[in-house]
Amino acid sequence: MPKRDTTLSEGLDTDVQLQAHLAALEAETYSASDSGPPETRPFQRVRDDLDHVRDEIENLRSRLSLVKQQAVIVARSNLEWADASAHDQLGTYPWAKLVGAMAATAVGARVLRHIPVSAIATVAIPLIVARLEAKSRR
């Protein structure tokens, strides 16, 4: 179908001119060999279109399958890299060492919660101030 500019460049002043313009566009649209109401298209043409769509769907499915496989490969390689990096940094049993460090942190946090911070601060602050004053006098 030939492309035609459907914008109104010269302007249509009356309803009659507008209707004539729309009728010309409609006639041009239905006169093209590829278009027309779907009922008038040959059955074979519809079947060909359907086969084309099915081929495209199959092509997209194969591409999606390839992308999924690549994603799995990337995820595995990232896991292997993380494992190798942990072994390089922490030695032979890196995950056990990490669990030990996390457990020590949890125990340390519980111990710190039960220590009376106000009593420690009451004793420590005068000592720190005295130390700073002694340094400033020198």
Protein backbone atom coordinates (compact mmCIF):
# COMPACT_ATOMS: atom_id res chain seq x y z
CA MET A 1 0.00 0.00 0.00
CA PRO A 2 1.49 3.37 -0.91
CA LYS A 3 2.17 5.67 1.99
CA ARG A 4 0.18 8.86 1.89
CA ASP A 5 0.38 11.83 4.16
CA THR A 6 -2.84 11.80 6.16
CA THR A 7 -2.24 15.15 7.80
CA LEU A 8 -4.32 18.04 6.67
CA SER A 9 -1.65 20.31 5.29
CA GLU A 10 -3.90 22.65 3.31
CA GLY A 11 -6.78 22.60 5.81
CA LEU A 12 -10.33 21.55 5.13
CA ASP A 13 -12.80 24.34 5.65
CA THR A 14 -16.15 22.59 5.28
CA ASP A 15 -17.70 19.29 6.27
CA VAL A 16 -18.09 18.41 2.59
CA GLN A 17 -14.35 18.75 1.99
CA LEU A 18 -13.63 16.69 5.11
CA GLN A 19 -16.04 13.93 4.05
CA ALA A 20 -14.52 13.89 0.55
CA HIS A 21 -11.04 13.61 2.02
CA LEU A 22 -12.08 10.75 4.33
CA ALA A 23 -13.81 8.94 1.46
CA ALA A 24 -10.68 9.23 -0.66
CA LEU A 25 -8.57 7.80 2.16
CA GLU A 26 -11.02 4.94 2.68
CA ALA A 27 -11.12 4.11 -1.03
CA GLU A 28 -7.34 4.16 -1.18
CA THR A 29 -7.14 1.84 1.82
CA TYR A 30 -9.52 -0.79 0.43
CA SER A 31 -8.08 -0.62 -3.08
CA ALA A 32 -4.69 -1.91 -1.93
CA SER A 33 -4.09 -5.58 -2.69
CA ASP A 34 -2.88 -6.52 0.81
CA SER A 35 -5.73 -5.04 2.74
CA GLY A 36 -9.43 -5.38 2.99
CA PRO A 37 -11.80 -6.89 5.42
CA PRO A 38 -10.58 -10.22 6.81
CA GLU A 39 -13.61 -12.03 5.38
CA THR A 40 -12.51 -11.30 1.81
CA ARG A 41 -8.96 -12.57 2.25
CA PRO A 42 -8.30 -16.03 0.91
CA PHE A 43 -8.24 -18.83 3.45
CA GLN A 44 -4.75 -19.87 2.37
CA ARG A 45 -3.43 -16.39 3.12
CA VAL A 46 -4.80 -16.60 6.68
CA ARG A 47 -3.29 -20.06 7.07
CA ASP A 48 0.07 -18.74 5.85
CA ASP A 49 -0.09 -15.90 8.36
CA LEU A 50 -0.90 -18.37 11.13
CA ASP A 51 2.02 -20.59 10.13
CA HIS A 52 4.30 -17.56 10.11
CA VAL A 53 3.16 -16.60 13.62
CA ARG A 54 3.72 -20.17 14.82
CA ASP A 55 7.23 -20.14 13.36
CA GLU A 56 7.96 -16.86 15.11
CA ILE A 57 6.68 -18.27 18.42
CA GLU A 58 8.90 -21.34 18.02
CA ASN A 59 11.87 -19.11 17.21
CA LEU A 60 11.22 -17.00 20.32
CA ARG A 61 10.91 -20.13 22.47
CA SER A 62 14.27 -21.40 21.25
CA ARG A 63 15.87 -18.02 21.95
CA LEU A 64 14.33 -17.94 25.42
CA SER A 65 15.66 -21.43 26.10
CA LEU A 66 19.13 -20.30 25.09
CA VAL A 67 18.90 -17.25 27.37
CA LYS A 68 17.81 -19.48 30.28
CA GLN A 69 20.78 -21.78 29.73
CA GLN A 70 23.16 -18.84 29.64
CA ALA A 71 21.66 -17.47 32.87
CA VAL A 72 22.25 -20.81 34.59
CA ILE A 73 25.85 -20.86 33.37
CA VAL A 74 26.45 -17.32 34.64
CA ALA A 75 24.91 -18.12 38.04
CA ARG A 76 27.05 -21.24 38.41
CA SER A 77 30.22 -19.42 37.43
CA ASN A 78 29.46 -16.66 39.95
CA LEU A 79 28.96 -19.25 42.70
CA GLU A 80 32.20 -20.98 41.78
CA TRP A 81 34.03 -17.63 41.81
CA ALA A 82 32.59 -16.74 45.24
CA ASP A 83 33.60 -20.13 46.62
CA ALA A 84 37.13 -19.85 45.24
CA SER A 85 37.44 -16.30 46.56
CA ALA A 86 36.32 -17.39 50.03
CA HIS A 87 38.88 -20.21 50.01
CA ASP A 88 41.62 -17.78 48.97
CA GLN A 89 40.77 -15.32 51.74
CA LEU A 90 39.80 -17.61 54.63
CA GLY A 91 41.65 -20.87 54.01
CA THR A 92 40.40 -24.43 53.99
CA TYR A 93 37.00 -24.13 55.72
CA PRO A 94 35.79 -20.63 54.88
CA TRP A 95 32.11 -21.21 55.58
CA ALA A 96 32.81 -22.68 59.01
CA LYS A 97 35.01 -19.69 59.82
CA LEU A 98 32.29 -17.29 58.71
CA VAL A 99 29.74 -19.11 60.88
CA GLY A 100 32.14 -18.86 63.84
CA ALA A 101 32.63 -15.13 63.29
CA MET A 102 28.88 -14.56 63.07
CA ALA A 103 28.28 -16.58 66.25
CA ALA A 104 30.99 -14.63 68.09
CA THR A 105 29.39 -11.37 66.97
CA ALA A 106 25.98 -12.50 68.23
CA VAL A 107 27.40 -13.59 71.60
CA GLY A 108 29.38 -10.34 71.91
CA ALA A 109 26.25 -8.29 71.21
CA ARG A 110 24.33 -10.15 73.94
CA VAL A 111 27.13 -9.62 76.43
CA LEU A 112 27.31 -5.91 75.62
CA ARG A 113 23.55 -5.59 76.15
CA HIS A 114 23.84 -6.88 79.71
CA ILE A 115 26.81 -4.72 80.74
CA PRO A 116 25.77 -1.61 82.67
CA VAL A 117 27.03 1.05 80.27
CA SER A 118 26.10 3.93 82.55
CA ALA A 119 28.30 2.60 85.38
CA ILE A 120 31.23 2.11 83.00
CA ALA A 121 30.73 5.59 81.54
CA THR A 122 30.62 7.09 85.06
CA VAL A 123 34.03 5.62 85.82
CA ALA A 124 35.62 6.01 82.37
CA ILE A 125 34.69 9.60 81.52
CA PRO A 126 36.61 11.24 84.43
CA LEU A 127 39.64 9.07 83.62
CA ILE A 128 39.55 10.08 79.96
CA VAL A 129 39.13 13.77 80.80
CA ALA A 130 42.04 13.62 83.27
CA ARG A 131 44.22 11.96 80.65
CA LEU A 132 43.35 14.63 78.06
CA GLU A 133 44.08 17.44 80.54
CA ALA A 134 47.44 15.89 81.36
CA LYS A 135 48.32 15.74 77.67
CA SER A 136 47.28 19.33 77.09
CA ARG A 137 49.52 20.59 79.94
CA ARG A 138 52.66 19.14 78.40
